[in-house]
Amino acid sequence: GAQVKQDGPSVVLRYRLDAAYDYLVENPDT
């Protein structure tokens, strides 16, 4: 985790979540 705001994840956290999203799309059993 990293900071979240009322309108969503901070820039730092979005980088993490986007990396997770890309991996989860490519690896559907994870």
PDB file of all heavy atoms in Angstrom:
ATOM      1  N   GLY A   1       0.798  -1.221   0.000  1.00  0.00           N
ATOM      2  CA  GLY A   1       0.000   0.000   0.000  1.00  0.00           C
ATOM      3  C   GLY A   1       0.828   1.267   0.000  1.00  0.00           C
ATOM      4  O   GLY A   1       2.016   1.278   0.341  1.00  0.00           O
ATOM      5  N   ALA A   2       0.182   2.328  -0.407  1.00  0.00           N
ATOM      6  CA  ALA A   2       0.709   3.701  -0.322  1.00  0.00           C
ATOM      7  C   ALA A   2      -0.509   4.602  -0.222  1.00  0.00           C
ATOM      8  O   ALA A   2      -1.648   4.123  -0.185  1.00  0.00           O
ATOM      9  CB  ALA A   2       1.571   4.038  -1.541  1.00  0.00           C
ATOM     10  N   GLN A   3      -0.289   5.890  -0.173  1.00  0.00           N
ATOM     11  CA  GLN A   3      -1.372   6.817   0.144  1.00  0.00           C
ATOM     12  C   GLN A   3      -2.549   6.718  -0.831  1.00  0.00           C
ATOM     13  O   GLN A   3      -2.369   6.644  -2.057  1.00  0.00           O
ATOM     14  CB  GLN A   3      -0.861   8.248   0.164  1.00  0.00           C
ATOM     15  CG  GLN A   3      -1.907   9.258   0.645  1.00  0.00           C
ATOM     16  CD  GLN A   3      -1.386  10.675   0.656  1.00  0.00           C
ATOM     17  OE1 GLN A   3      -0.516  11.041  -0.114  1.00  0.00           O
ATOM     18  NE2 GLN A   3      -1.931  11.500   1.527  1.00  0.00           N
ATOM     19  N   VAL A   4      -3.756   6.704  -0.261  1.00  0.00           N
ATOM     20  CA  VAL A   4      -4.975   6.833  -1.060  1.00  0.00           C
ATOM     21  C   VAL A   4      -5.653   8.152  -0.706  1.00  0.00           C
ATOM     22  O   VAL A   4      -5.558   8.633   0.425  1.00  0.00           O
ATOM     23  CB  VAL A   4      -5.953   5.659  -0.825  1.00  0.00           C
ATOM     24  CG1 VAL A   4      -5.388   4.368  -1.381  1.00  0.00           C
ATOM     25  CG2 VAL A   4      -6.299   5.510   0.647  1.00  0.00           C
ATOM     26  N   LYS A   5      -6.342   8.724  -1.692  1.00  0.00           N
ATOM     27  CA  LYS A   5      -7.056   9.977  -1.503  1.00  0.00           C
ATOM     28  C   LYS A   5      -8.542   9.739  -1.794  1.00  0.00           C
ATOM     29  O   LYS A   5      -8.925   8.661  -2.248  1.00  0.00           O
ATOM     30  CB  LYS A   5      -6.483  11.056  -2.426  1.00  0.00           C
ATOM     31  CG  LYS A   5      -4.985  11.277  -2.224  1.00  0.00           C
ATOM     32  CD  LYS A   5      -4.426  12.301  -3.201  1.00  0.00           C
ATOM     33  CE  LYS A   5      -2.919  12.477  -3.005  1.00  0.00           C
ATOM     34  NZ  LYS A   5      -2.343  13.457  -3.958  1.00  0.00           N
ATOM     35  N   GLN A   6      -9.351  10.734  -1.543  1.00  0.00           N
ATOM     36  CA  GLN A   6     -10.787  10.578  -1.744  1.00  0.00           C
ATOM     37  C   GLN A   6     -11.100  10.203  -3.191  1.00  0.00           C
ATOM     38  O   GLN A   6     -12.036   9.447  -3.463  1.00  0.00           O
ATOM     39  CB  GLN A   6     -11.511  11.875  -1.368  1.00  0.00           C
ATOM     40  CG  GLN A   6     -13.026  11.736  -1.332  1.00  0.00           C
ATOM     41  CD  GLN A   6     -13.506  10.764  -0.257  1.00  0.00           C
ATOM     42  OE1 GLN A   6     -13.126  10.866   0.897  1.00  0.00           O
ATOM     43  NE2 GLN A   6     -14.346   9.804  -0.648  1.00  0.00           N
ATOM     44  N   ASP A   7     -10.301  10.731  -4.132  1.00  0.00           N
ATOM     45  CA  ASP A   7     -10.567  10.461  -5.539  1.00  0.00           C
ATOM     46  C   ASP A   7      -9.779   9.273  -6.079  1.00  0.00           C
ATOM     47  O   ASP A   7      -9.759   9.037  -7.286  1.00  0.00           O
ATOM     48  CB  ASP A   7     -10.296  11.698  -6.386  1.00  0.00           C
ATOM     49  CG  ASP A   7      -8.851  12.192  -6.261  1.00  0.00           C
ATOM     50  OD1 ASP A   7      -8.110  11.656  -5.410  1.00  0.00           O
ATOM     51  OD2 ASP A   7      -8.464  13.102  -7.014  1.00  0.00           O
ATOM     52  N   GLY A   8      -9.106   8.521  -5.197  1.00  0.00           N
ATOM     53  CA  GLY A   8      -8.421   7.316  -5.650  1.00  0.00           C
ATOM     54  C   GLY A   8      -6.978   7.241  -5.200  1.00  0.00           C
ATOM     55  O   GLY A   8      -6.520   8.031  -4.367  1.00  0.00           O
ATOM     56  N   PRO A   9      -6.234   6.272  -5.740  1.00  0.00           N
ATOM     57  CA  PRO A   9      -4.840   6.073  -5.334  1.00  0.00           C
ATOM     58  C   PRO A   9      -3.955   7.254  -5.707  1.00  0.00           C
ATOM     59  O   PRO A   9      -4.186   7.941  -6.711  1.00  0.00           O
ATOM     60  CB  PRO A   9      -4.419   4.816  -6.126  1.00  0.00           C
ATOM     61  CG  PRO A   9      -5.697   4.165  -6.528  1.00  0.00           C
ATOM     62  CD  PRO A   9      -6.690   5.265  -6.704  1.00  0.00           C
ATOM     63  N   SER A  10      -2.925   7.479  -4.890  1.00  0.00           N
ATOM     64  CA  SER A  10      -1.914   8.484  -5.215  1.00  0.00           C
ATOM     65  C   SER A  10      -1.127   8.040  -6.438  1.00  0.00           C
ATOM     66  O   SER A  10      -1.224   6.891  -6.893  1.00  0.00           O
ATOM     67  CB  SER A  10      -0.966   8.666  -4.027  1.00  0.00           C
ATOM     68  OG  SER A  10      -0.299   7.438  -3.750  1.00  0.00           O
ATOM     69  N   VAL A  11      -0.314   8.936  -6.982  1.00  0.00           N
ATOM     70  CA  VAL A  11       0.504   8.609  -8.154  1.00  0.00           C
ATOM     71  C   VAL A  11       1.422   7.424  -7.855  1.00  0.00           C
ATOM     72  O   VAL A  11       1.543   6.501  -8.664  1.00  0.00           O
ATOM     73  CB  VAL A  11       1.333   9.835  -8.586  1.00  0.00           C
ATOM     74  CG1 VAL A  11       2.317   9.451  -9.686  1.00  0.00           C
ATOM     75  CG2 VAL A  11       0.416  10.963  -9.053  1.00  0.00           C
ATOM     76  N   VAL A  12       2.058   7.451  -6.686  1.00  0.00           N
ATOM     77  CA  VAL A  12       2.958   6.363  -6.302  1.00  0.00           C
ATOM     78  C   VAL A  12       2.214   5.035  -6.289  1.00  0.00           C
ATOM     79  O   VAL A  12       2.710   4.014  -6.810  1.00  0.00           O
ATOM     80  CB  VAL A  12       3.584   6.648  -4.915  1.00  0.00           C
ATOM     81  CG1 VAL A  12       4.273   5.406  -4.367  1.00  0.00           C
ATOM     82  CG2 VAL A  12       4.577   7.796  -5.009  1.00  0.00           C
ATOM     83  N   LEU A  13       1.027   5.016  -5.721  1.00  0.00           N
ATOM     84  CA  LEU A  13       0.263   3.774  -5.620  1.00  0.00           C
ATOM     85  C   LEU A  13      -0.253   3.321  -6.981  1.00  0.00           C
ATOM     86  O   LEU A  13      -0.337   2.111  -7.246  1.00  0.00           O
ATOM     87  CB  LEU A  13      -0.891   3.955  -4.636  1.00  0.00           C
ATOM     88  CG  LEU A  13      -1.722   2.706  -4.314  1.00  0.00           C
ATOM     89  CD1 LEU A  13      -0.839   1.549  -3.884  1.00  0.00           C
ATOM     90  CD2 LEU A  13      -2.752   3.014  -3.247  1.00  0.00           C
ATOM     91  N   ARG A  14      -0.604   4.252  -7.848  1.00  0.00           N
ATOM     92  CA  ARG A  14      -1.081   3.858  -9.178  1.00  0.00           C
ATOM     93  C   ARG A  14      -0.005   3.115  -9.956  1.00  0.00           C
ATOM     94  O   ARG A  14      -0.311   2.186 -10.712  1.00  0.00           O
ATOM     95  CB  ARG A  14      -1.570   5.084  -9.962  1.00  0.00           C
ATOM     96  CG  ARG A  14      -2.928   5.583  -9.509  1.00  0.00           C
ATOM     97  CD  ARG A  14      -3.612   6.394 -10.614  1.00  0.00           C
ATOM     98  NE  ARG A  14      -2.816   7.522 -11.054  1.00  0.00           N
ATOM     99  CZ  ARG A  14      -2.848   8.727 -10.496  1.00  0.00           C
ATOM    100  NH1 ARG A  14      -3.630   8.945  -9.448  1.00  0.00           N
ATOM    101  NH2 ARG A  14      -2.102   9.703 -10.960  1.00  0.00           N
ATOM    102  N   TYR A  15       1.244   3.529  -9.798  1.00  0.00           N
ATOM    103  CA  TYR A  15       2.325   2.788 -10.464  1.00  0.00           C
ATOM    104  C   TYR A  15       2.313   1.322 -10.019  1.00  0.00           C
ATOM    105  O   TYR A  15       2.482   0.400 -10.826  1.00  0.00           O
ATOM    106  CB  TYR A  15       3.682   3.402 -10.129  1.00  0.00           C
ATOM    107  CG  TYR A  15       4.063   4.605 -10.966  1.00  0.00           C
ATOM    108  CD1 TYR A  15       4.266   5.858 -10.376  1.00  0.00           C
ATOM    109  CD2 TYR A  15       4.270   4.488 -12.332  1.00  0.00           C
ATOM    110  CE1 TYR A  15       4.639   6.961 -11.136  1.00  0.00           C
ATOM    111  CE2 TYR A  15       4.648   5.585 -13.094  1.00  0.00           C
ATOM    112  CZ  TYR A  15       4.827   6.819 -12.497  1.00  0.00           C
ATOM    113  OH  TYR A  15       5.193   7.899 -13.258  1.00  0.00           O
ATOM    114  N   ARG A  16       2.125   1.089  -8.733  1.00  0.00           N
ATOM    115  CA  ARG A  16       2.099  -0.278  -8.210  1.00  0.00           C
ATOM    116  C   ARG A  16       0.889  -1.045  -8.736  1.00  0.00           C
ATOM    117  O   ARG A  16       0.998  -2.197  -9.171  1.00  0.00           O
ATOM    118  CB  ARG A  16       2.080  -0.249  -6.676  1.00  0.00           C
ATOM    119  CG  ARG A  16       3.252   0.481  -6.064  1.00  0.00           C
ATOM    120  CD  ARG A  16       3.184   0.496  -4.526  1.00  0.00           C
ATOM    121  NE  ARG A  16       4.267   1.315  -3.978  1.00  0.00           N
ATOM    122  CZ  ARG A  16       4.564   1.401  -2.686  1.00  0.00           C
ATOM    123  NH1 ARG A  16       3.847   0.726  -1.804  1.00  0.00           N
ATOM    124  NH2 ARG A  16       5.573   2.158  -2.274  1.00  0.00           N
ATOM    125  N   LEU A  17      -0.264  -0.404  -8.687  1.00  0.00           N
ATOM    126  CA  LEU A  17      -1.489  -1.065  -9.108  1.00  0.00           C
ATOM    127  C   LEU A  17      -1.494  -1.354 -10.604  1.00  0.00           C
ATOM    128  O   LEU A  17      -2.003  -2.400 -11.046  1.00  0.00           O
ATOM    129  CB  LEU A  17      -2.694  -0.203  -8.732  1.00  0.00           C
ATOM    130  CG  LEU A  17      -2.976  -0.111  -7.226  1.00  0.00           C
ATOM    131  CD1 LEU A  17      -4.002   0.976  -6.943  1.00  0.00           C
ATOM    132  CD2 LEU A  17      -3.449  -1.451  -6.682  1.00  0.00           C
ATOM    133  N   ASP A  18      -0.931  -0.466 -11.396  1.00  0.00           N
ATOM    134  CA  ASP A  18      -0.871  -0.707 -12.836  1.00  0.00           C
ATOM    135  C   ASP A  18       0.052  -1.885 -13.155  1.00  0.00           C
ATOM    136  O   ASP A  18      -0.236  -2.683 -14.060  1.00  0.00           O
ATOM    137  CB  ASP A  18      -0.400   0.549 -13.573  1.00  0.00           C
ATOM    138  CG  ASP A  18      -1.456   1.659 -13.563  1.00  0.00           C
ATOM    139  OD1 ASP A  18      -2.638   1.351 -13.280  1.00  0.00           O
ATOM    140  OD2 ASP A  18      -1.097   2.825 -13.823  1.00  0.00           O
ATOM    141  N   ALA A  19       1.158  -2.009 -12.404  1.00  0.00           N
ATOM    142  CA  ALA A  19       2.040  -3.161 -12.592  1.00  0.00           C
ATOM    143  C   ALA A  19       1.316  -4.453 -12.204  1.00  0.00           C
ATOM    144  O   ALA A  19       1.438  -5.483 -12.885  1.00  0.00           O
ATOM    145  CB  ALA A  19       3.315  -3.002 -11.774  1.00  0.00           C
ATOM    146  N   ALA A  20       0.560  -4.412 -11.101  1.00  0.00           N
ATOM    147  CA  ALA A  20      -0.212  -5.581 -10.677  1.00  0.00           C
ATOM    148  C   ALA A  20      -1.274  -5.922 -11.715  1.00  0.00           C
ATOM    149  O   ALA A  20      -1.467  -7.104 -12.062  1.00  0.00           O
ATOM    150  CB  ALA A  20      -0.864  -5.312  -9.319  1.00  0.00           C
ATOM    151  N   TYR A  21      -1.967  -4.917 -12.222  1.00  0.00           N
ATOM    152  CA  TYR A  21      -3.006  -5.138 -13.230  1.00  0.00           C
ATOM    153  C   TYR A  21      -2.427  -5.842 -14.460  1.00  0.00           C
ATOM    154  O   TYR A  21      -2.989  -6.837 -14.950  1.00  0.00           O
ATOM    155  CB  TYR A  21      -3.642  -3.809 -13.625  1.00  0.00           C
ATOM    156  CG  TYR A  21      -4.560  -3.910 -14.822  1.00  0.00           C
ATOM    157  CD1 TYR A  21      -5.871  -4.362 -14.671  1.00  0.00           C
ATOM    158  CD2 TYR A  21      -4.116  -3.580 -16.101  1.00  0.00           C
ATOM    159  CE1 TYR A  21      -6.711  -4.479 -15.772  1.00  0.00           C
ATOM    160  CE2 TYR A  21      -4.940  -3.689 -17.201  1.00  0.00           C
ATOM    161  CZ  TYR A  21      -6.230  -4.143 -17.041  1.00  0.00           C
ATOM    162  OH  TYR A  21      -7.060  -4.267 -18.135  1.00  0.00           O
ATOM    163  N   ASP A  22      -1.327  -5.327 -14.965  1.00  0.00           N
ATOM    164  CA  ASP A  22      -0.714  -5.923 -16.156  1.00  0.00           C
ATOM    165  C   ASP A  22      -0.365  -7.390 -15.910  1.00  0.00           C
ATOM    166  O   ASP A  22      -0.600  -8.254 -16.776  1.00  0.00           O
ATOM    167  CB  ASP A  22       0.547  -5.150 -16.549  1.00  0.00           C
ATOM    168  CG  ASP A  22       0.240  -3.764 -17.098  1.00  0.00           C
ATOM    169  OD1 ASP A  22      -0.920  -3.529 -17.500  1.00  0.00           O
ATOM    170  OD2 ASP A  22       1.157  -2.912 -17.102  1.00  0.00           O
ATOM    171  N   TYR A  23       0.196  -7.673 -14.720  1.00  0.00           N
ATOM    172  CA  TYR A  23       0.585  -9.061 -14.426  1.00  0.00           C
ATOM    173  C   TYR A  23      -0.651  -9.948 -14.293  1.00  0.00           C
ATOM    174  O   TYR A  23      -0.677 -11.077 -14.807  1.00  0.00           O
ATOM    175  CB  TYR A  23       1.412  -9.127 -13.144  1.00  0.00           C
ATOM    176  CG  TYR A  23       2.028 -10.489 -12.927  1.00  0.00           C
ATOM    177  CD1 TYR A  23       3.309 -10.768 -13.384  1.00  0.00           C
ATOM    178  CD2 TYR A  23       1.302 -11.498 -12.297  1.00  0.00           C
ATOM    179  CE1 TYR A  23       3.867 -12.029 -13.217  1.00  0.00           C
ATOM    180  CE2 TYR A  23       1.846 -12.768 -12.138  1.00  0.00           C
ATOM    181  CZ  TYR A  23       3.124 -13.025 -12.601  1.00  0.00           C
ATOM    182  OH  TYR A  23       3.666 -14.284 -12.454  1.00  0.00           O
ATOM    183  N   LEU A  24      -1.691  -9.466 -13.623  1.00  0.00           N
ATOM    184  CA  LEU A  24      -2.897 -10.271 -13.413  1.00  0.00           C
ATOM    185  C   LEU A  24      -3.614 -10.561 -14.723  1.00  0.00           C
ATOM    186  O   LEU A  24      -4.174 -11.652 -14.909  1.00  0.00           O
ATOM    187  CB  LEU A  24      -3.841  -9.545 -12.449  1.00  0.00           C
ATOM    188  CG  LEU A  24      -3.338  -9.430 -10.996  1.00  0.00           C
ATOM    189  CD1 LEU A  24      -4.223  -8.470 -10.206  1.00  0.00           C
ATOM    190  CD2 LEU A  24      -3.293 -10.795 -10.322  1.00  0.00           C
ATOM    191  N   VAL A  25      -3.602  -9.622 -15.652  1.00  0.00           N
ATOM    192  CA  VAL A  25      -4.213  -9.850 -16.962  1.00  0.00           C
ATOM    193  C   VAL A  25      -3.458 -10.937 -17.720  1.00  0.00           C
ATOM    194  O   VAL A  25      -4.065 -11.811 -18.354  1.00  0.00           O
ATOM    195  CB  VAL A  25      -4.249  -8.538 -17.772  1.00  0.00           C
ATOM    196  CG1 VAL A  25      -4.613  -8.805 -19.227  1.00  0.00           C
ATOM    197  CG2 VAL A  25      -5.246  -7.568 -17.159  1.00  0.00           C
ATOM    198  N   GLU A  26      -2.135 -10.898 -17.638  1.00  0.00           N
ATOM    199  CA  GLU A  26      -1.317 -11.864 -18.369  1.00  0.00           C
ATOM    200  C   GLU A  26      -1.266 -13.232 -17.687  1.00  0.00           C
ATOM    201  O   GLU A  26      -0.928 -14.236 -18.320  1.00  0.00           O
ATOM    202  CB  GLU A  26       0.106 -11.320 -18.531  1.00  0.00           C
ATOM    203  CG  GLU A  26       0.188 -10.075 -19.407  1.00  0.00           C
ATOM    204  CD  GLU A  26       1.583  -9.462 -19.411  1.00  0.00           C
ATOM    205  OE1 GLU A  26       2.488 -10.051 -18.786  1.00  0.00           O
ATOM    206  OE2 GLU A  26       1.750  -8.405 -20.041  1.00  0.00           O
ATOM    207  N   ASN A  27      -1.615 -13.282 -16.394  1.00  0.00           N
ATOM    208  CA  ASN A  27      -1.520 -14.518 -15.621  1.00  0.00           C
ATOM    209  C   ASN A  27      -2.833 -14.713 -14.854  1.00  0.00           C
ATOM    210  O   ASN A  27      -2.925 -14.405 -13.660  1.00  0.00           O
ATOM    211  CB  ASN A  27      -0.331 -14.459 -14.660  1.00  0.00           C
ATOM    212  CG  ASN A  27       0.989 -14.274 -15.382  1.00  0.00           C
ATOM    213  OD1 ASN A  27       1.618 -15.220 -15.813  1.00  0.00           O
ATOM    214  ND2 ASN A  27       1.404 -13.015 -15.539  1.00  0.00           N
ATOM    215  N   PRO A  28      -3.850 -15.251 -15.520  1.00  0.00           N
ATOM    216  CA  PRO A  28      -5.207 -15.279 -14.950  1.00  0.00           C
ATOM    217  C   PRO A  28      -5.392 -16.201 -13.751  1.00  0.00           C
ATOM    218  O   PRO A  28      -6.427 -16.117 -13.078  1.00  0.00           O
ATOM    219  CB  PRO A  28      -6.068 -15.745 -16.134  1.00  0.00           C
ATOM    220  CG  PRO A  28      -5.117 -16.435 -17.063  1.00  0.00           C
ATOM    221  CD  PRO A  28      -3.816 -15.721 -16.913  1.00  0.00           C
ATOM    222  N   ASP A  29      -4.427 -17.058 -13.454  1.00  0.00           N
ATOM    223  CA  ASP A  29      -4.551 -17.940 -12.294  1.00  0.00           C
ATOM    224  C   ASP A  29      -3.924 -17.354 -11.026  1.00  0.00           C
ATOM    225  O   ASP A  29      -4.028 -17.944  -9.949  1.00  0.00           O
ATOM    226  CB  ASP A  29      -3.903 -19.305 -12.581  1.00  0.00           C
ATOM    227  CG  ASP A  29      -4.665 -20.073 -13.659  1.00  0.00           C
ATOM    228  OD1 ASP A  29      -5.902 -19.917 -13.730  1.00  0.00           O
ATOM    229  OD2 ASP A  29      -4.027 -20.815 -14.426  1.00  0.00           O
ATOM    230  N   THR A  30      -3.264 -16.238 -11.153  1.00  0.00           N
ATOM    231  CA  THR A  30      -2.610 -15.605 -10.006  1.00  0.00           C
ATOM    232  C   THR A  30      -3.628 -14.849  -9.152  1.00  0.00           C
ATOM    233  O   THR A  30      -4.447 -14.099  -9.675  1.00  0.00           O
ATOM    234  CB  THR A  30      -1.510 -14.635 -10.478  1.00  0.00           C
ATOM    235  OG1 THR A  30      -0.536 -15.356 -11.241  1.00  0.00           O
ATOM    236  CG2 THR A  30      -0.825 -13.971  -9.292  1.00  0.00           C
TER     237      THR A  30
END
